[in-house]
């Protein structure tokens, strides 16, 4: 029995404090590890929320950019159509003016040719009866009417 008490006393003074300190150190390390793990989980959760928020913002920004780009494309297309219509109108107007000028010129030439031919024909028919010097005014009026 004395041996038991001596063994208990030696164990309590020399072995037990080392065991308790090792257990306390281990308990402390485990607590620190759990605390670090909780902080990591919390940090990961916060990071995930930030990433999700950033993705949402990026999606919104890309949608805004897409809408803006579509509006710009629509404006450019409308401007191009408008410019093309103006150019078309200008070209058609110029072509119509050219056609009118050519037509006027052709009519004037034709009128001159007809009047010359009419006068020559009338001259030949009336040569015997009309004096050119006396009737020049009448012939000029006739030429102007033709």
C-alpha atoms as a PDB file:
ATOM      1  CA  UNK A   1       0.000   0.000   0.000  1.00  0.00           C
ATOM      2  CA  UNK A   2       2.791   2.377   0.801  1.00  0.00           C
ATOM      3  CA  UNK A   3       4.257   1.577  -2.560  1.00  0.00           C
ATOM      4  CA  UNK A   4       0.960   2.510  -4.107  1.00  0.00           C
ATOM      5  CA  UNK A   5       0.887   5.857  -2.330  1.00  0.00           C
ATOM      6  CA  UNK A   6       4.536   6.550  -3.171  1.00  0.00           C
ATOM      7  CA  UNK A   7       3.903   5.656  -6.770  1.00  0.00           C
ATOM      8  CA  UNK A   8       0.799   7.899  -6.738  1.00  0.00           C
ATOM      9  CA  UNK A   9       2.760  10.754  -5.133  1.00  0.00           C
ATOM     10  CA  UNK A  10       5.648  10.459  -7.661  1.00  0.00           C
ATOM     11  CA  UNK A  11       3.157  10.275 -10.494  1.00  0.00           C
ATOM     12  CA  UNK A  12       1.283  13.319  -9.153  1.00  0.00           C
ATOM     13  CA  UNK A  13       4.437  15.406  -8.772  1.00  0.00           C
ATOM     14  CA  UNK A  14       6.493  14.415 -11.783  1.00  0.00           C
ATOM     15  CA  UNK A  15       4.330  12.748 -14.442  1.00  0.00           C
ATOM     16  CA  UNK A  16       0.917  14.299 -13.928  1.00  0.00           C
ATOM     17  CA  UNK A  17       1.952  17.962 -14.467  1.00  0.00           C
ATOM     18  CA  UNK A  18       3.669  17.053 -17.736  1.00  0.00           C
ATOM     19  CA  UNK A  19       0.580  15.142 -18.913  1.00  0.00           C
ATOM     20  CA  UNK A  20      -1.755  17.968 -17.909  1.00  0.00           C
ATOM     21  CA  UNK A  21       0.426  20.604 -19.612  1.00  0.00           C
ATOM     22  CA  UNK A  22       0.619  18.452 -22.784  1.00  0.00           C
ATOM     23  CA  UNK A  23      -3.167  17.999 -22.723  1.00  0.00           C
ATOM     24  CA  UNK A  24      -3.671  21.753 -22.144  1.00  0.00           C
ATOM     25  CA  UNK A  25      -1.284  22.603 -24.986  1.00  0.00           C
ATOM     26  CA  UNK A  26      -3.086  20.178 -27.261  1.00  0.00           C
ATOM     27  CA  UNK A  27      -6.450  21.592 -26.157  1.00  0.00           C
ATOM     28  CA  UNK A  28      -5.139  25.127 -26.872  1.00  0.00           C
ATOM     29  CA  UNK A  29      -3.891  24.114 -30.353  1.00  0.00           C
ATOM     30  CA  UNK A  30      -7.210  22.456 -31.142  1.00  0.00           C
ATOM     31  CA  UNK A  31      -9.100  25.589 -29.998  1.00  0.00           C
ATOM     32  CA  UNK A  32      -6.818  27.796 -32.104  1.00  0.00           C
ATOM     33  CA  UNK A  33      -7.307  25.492 -35.101  1.00  0.00           C
ATOM     34  CA  UNK A  34     -11.091  25.572 -34.673  1.00  0.00           C
ATOM     35  CA  UNK A  35     -10.998  29.353 -34.324  1.00  0.00           C
ATOM     36  CA  UNK A  36      -8.863  29.665 -37.460  1.00  0.00           C
ATOM     37  CA  UNK A  37     -11.203  27.287 -39.300  1.00  0.00           C
ATOM     38  CA  UNK A  38     -14.230  29.364 -38.268  1.00  0.00           C
ATOM     39  CA  UNK A  39     -12.462  32.530 -39.398  1.00  0.00           C
ATOM     40  CA  UNK A  40     -11.575  30.846 -42.694  1.00  0.00           C
ATOM     41  CA  UNK A  41     -15.167  29.731 -43.204  1.00  0.00           C
ATOM     42  CA  UNK A  42     -16.360  33.243 -42.382  1.00  0.00           C
ATOM     43  CA  UNK A  43     -13.744  34.755 -44.692  1.00  0.00           C
ATOM     44  CA  UNK A  44     -14.668  32.281 -47.435  1.00  0.00           C
ATOM     45  CA  UNK A  45     -18.325  33.149 -47.019  1.00  0.00           C
ATOM     46  CA  UNK A  46     -17.549  36.877 -47.219  1.00  0.00           C
ATOM     47  CA  UNK A  47     -15.342  36.311 -50.255  1.00  0.00           C
ATOM     48  CA  UNK A  48     -18.081  34.276 -51.943  1.00  0.00           C
ATOM     49  CA  UNK A  49     -20.549  37.093 -51.281  1.00  0.00           C
ATOM     50  CA  UNK A  50     -18.104  39.651 -52.696  1.00  0.00           C
ATOM     51  CA  UNK A  51     -17.515  37.488 -55.775  1.00  0.00           C
ATOM     52  CA  UNK A  52     -21.260  37.030 -56.244  1.00  0.00           C
ATOM     53  CA  UNK A  53     -21.791  40.780 -55.890  1.00  0.00           C
ATOM     54  CA  UNK A  54     -18.970  41.490 -58.353  1.00  0.00           C
ATOM     55  CA  UNK A  55     -20.455  39.010 -60.849  1.00  0.00           C
ATOM     56  CA  UNK A  56     -23.872  40.621 -60.509  1.00  0.00           C
ATOM     57  CA  UNK A  57     -22.350  44.059 -61.057  1.00  0.00           C
ATOM     58  CA  UNK A  58     -20.393  42.792 -64.069  1.00  0.00           C
ATOM     59  CA  UNK A  59     -23.574  41.278 -65.538  1.00  0.00           C
ATOM     60  CA  UNK A  60     -25.470  44.530 -65.020  1.00  0.00           C
ATOM     61  CA  UNK A  61     -22.638  46.543 -66.536  1.00  0.00           C
ATOM     62  CA  UNK A  62     -22.416  44.214 -69.528  1.00  0.00           C
ATOM     63  CA  UNK A  63     -26.185  44.497 -70.057  1.00  0.00           C
ATOM     64  CA  UNK A  64     -25.914  48.286 -69.938  1.00  0.00           C
ATOM     65  CA  UNK A  65     -23.055  48.181 -72.430  1.00  0.00           C
ATOM     66  CA  UNK A  66     -25.012  45.853 -74.723  1.00  0.00           C
ATOM     67  CA  UNK A  67     -28.054  48.138 -74.610  1.00  0.00           C
ATOM     68  CA  UNK A  68     -25.852  51.174 -75.265  1.00  0.00           C
ATOM     69  CA  UNK A  69     -24.145  49.426 -78.170  1.00  0.00           C
ATOM     70  CA  UNK A  70     -27.507  48.413 -79.642  1.00  0.00           C
ATOM     71  CA  UNK A  71     -28.722  52.012 -79.387  1.00  0.00           C
ATOM     72  CA  UNK A  72     -25.569  53.248 -81.101  1.00  0.00           C
ATOM     73  CA  UNK A  73     -25.973  50.670 -83.867  1.00  0.00           C
ATOM     74  CA  UNK A  74     -29.601  51.705 -84.332  1.00  0.00           C
ATOM     75  CA  UNK A  75     -28.613  55.374 -84.496  1.00  0.00           C
ATOM     76  CA  UNK A  76     -25.859  54.624 -86.997  1.00  0.00           C
ATOM     77  CA  UNK A  77     -28.235  52.590 -89.165  1.00  0.00           C
ATOM     78  CA  UNK A  78     -30.856  55.328 -89.080  1.00  0.00           C
ATOM     79  CA  UNK A  79     -28.254  57.957 -89.951  1.00  0.00           C
ATOM     80  CA  UNK A  80     -26.943  55.797 -92.803  1.00  0.00           C
ATOM     81  CA  UNK A  81     -30.495  55.300 -94.101  1.00  0.00           C
ATOM     82  CA  UNK A  82     -31.184  59.008 -93.831  1.00  0.00           C
ATOM     83  CA  UNK A  83     -27.935  59.886 -95.596  1.00  0.00           C
ATOM     84  CA  UNK A  84     -28.661  57.316 -98.302  1.00  0.00           C
ATOM     85  CA  UNK A  85     -32.156  58.724 -98.825  1.00  0.00           C
ATOM     86  CA  UNK A  86     -30.758  62.251 -99.090  1.00  0.00           C
ATOM     87  CA  UNK A  87     -28.108  61.105-101.554  1.00  0.00           C
ATOM     88  CA  UNK A  88     -30.750  59.217-103.541  1.00  0.00           C
ATOM     89  CA  UNK A  89     -32.960  62.316-103.658  1.00  0.00           C
ATOM     90  CA  UNK A  90     -30.024  64.482-104.700  1.00  0.00           C
ATOM     91  CA  UNK A  91     -29.006  62.052-107.457  1.00  0.00           C
ATOM     92  CA  UNK A  92     -32.591  61.745-108.715  1.00  0.00           C
ATOM     93  CA  UNK A  93     -33.014  65.521-108.710  1.00  0.00           C
ATOM     94  CA  UNK A  94     -29.750  65.981-110.600  1.00  0.00           C
ATOM     95  CA  UNK A  95     -30.740  63.288-113.102  1.00  0.00           C
ATOM     96  CA  UNK A  96     -34.148  64.910-113.588  1.00  0.00           C
ATOM     97  CA  UNK A  97     -32.491  68.295-114.131  1.00  0.00           C
ATOM     98  CA  UNK A  98     -30.119  66.715-116.652  1.00  0.00           C
ATOM     99  CA  UNK A  99     -33.018  65.024-118.458  1.00  0.00           C
ATOM    100  CA  UNK A 100     -34.992  68.285-118.503  1.00  0.00           C
ATOM    101  CA  UNK A 101     -31.987  70.193-119.877  1.00  0.00           C
ATOM    102  CA  UNK A 102     -31.389  67.574-122.579  1.00  0.00           C
ATOM    103  CA  UNK A 103     -35.091  67.553-123.435  1.00  0.00           C
ATOM    104  CA  UNK A 104     -35.206  71.370-123.654  1.00  0.00           C
ATOM    105  CA  UNK A 105     -32.113  71.387-125.809  1.00  0.00           C
ATOM    106  CA  UNK A 106     -33.568  68.700-128.098  1.00  0.00           C
ATOM    107  CA  UNK A 107     -36.881  70.590-128.353  1.00  0.00           C
ATOM    108  CA  UNK A 108     -35.064  73.827-129.156  1.00  0.00           C
ATOM    109  CA  UNK A 109     -33.008  72.115-131.856  1.00  0.00           C
ATOM    110  CA  UNK A 110     -36.089  70.417-133.262  1.00  0.00           C
ATOM    111  CA  UNK A 111     -38.032  73.693-133.207  1.00  0.00           C
ATOM    112  CA  UNK A 112     -35.188  75.457-135.010  1.00  0.00           C
ATOM    113  CA  UNK A 113     -34.968  72.695-137.619  1.00  0.00           C
ATOM    114  CA  UNK A 114     -38.739  72.672-138.141  1.00  0.00           C
ATOM    115  CA  UNK A 115     -38.846  76.450-138.445  1.00  0.00           C
ATOM    116  CA  UNK A 116     -35.939  76.440-140.903  1.00  0.00           C
ATOM    117  CA  UNK A 117     -37.595  73.698-142.962  1.00  0.00           C
ATOM    118  CA  UNK A 118     -40.975  75.458-142.809  1.00  0.00           C
ATOM    119  CA  UNK A 119     -39.457  78.717-143.883  1.00  0.00           C
ATOM    120  CA  UNK A 120     -37.537  77.082-146.719  1.00  0.00           C
ATOM    121  CA  UNK A 121     -40.671  75.298-147.842  1.00  0.00           C
ATOM    122  CA  UNK A 122     -42.735  78.457-147.611  1.00  0.00           C
ATOM    123  CA  UNK A 123     -40.005  80.379-149.422  1.00  0.00           C
ATOM    124  CA  UNK A 124     -39.997  77.967-152.291  1.00  0.00           C
ATOM    125  CA  UNK A 125     -43.790  77.966-152.534  1.00  0.00           C
ATOM    126  CA  UNK A 126     -44.223  81.692-152.156  1.00  0.00           C
ATOM    127  CA  UNK A 127     -41.075  82.822-153.950  1.00  0.00           C
ATOM    128  CA  UNK A 128     -43.031  83.949-156.907  1.00  0.00           C
ATOM    129  CA  UNK A 129     -45.612  85.929-154.958  1.00  0.00           C
ATOM    130  CA  UNK A 130     -43.786  87.354-151.883  1.00  0.00           C
ATOM    131  CA  UNK A 131     -40.951  89.816-151.701  1.00  0.00           C
ATOM    132  CA  UNK A 132     -38.571  88.730-148.891  1.00  0.00           C
ATOM    133  CA  UNK A 133     -37.549  92.228-147.914  1.00  0.00           C
ATOM    134  CA  UNK A 134     -41.152  93.397-147.487  1.00  0.00           C
ATOM    135  CA  UNK A 135     -42.506  90.366-145.648  1.00  0.00           C
ATOM    136  CA  UNK A 136     -39.549  89.599-143.325  1.00  0.00           C
ATOM    137  CA  UNK A 137     -41.457  90.647-140.182  1.00  0.00           C
ATOM    138  CA  UNK A 138     -44.323  88.235-140.900  1.00  0.00           C
ATOM    139  CA  UNK A 139     -41.879  85.413-141.507  1.00  0.00           C
ATOM    140  CA  UNK A 140     -40.014  86.142-138.226  1.00  0.00           C
ATOM    141  CA  UNK A 141     -43.299  85.995-136.283  1.00  0.00           C
ATOM    142  CA  UNK A 142     -44.154  82.719-137.963  1.00  0.00           C
ATOM    143  CA  UNK A 143     -40.725  81.344-137.056  1.00  0.00           C
ATOM    144  CA  UNK A 144     -41.147  82.387-133.402  1.00  0.00           C
ATOM    145  CA  UNK A 145     -44.551  80.699-133.191  1.00  0.00           C
ATOM    146  CA  UNK A 146     -43.180  77.421-134.483  1.00  0.00           C
END
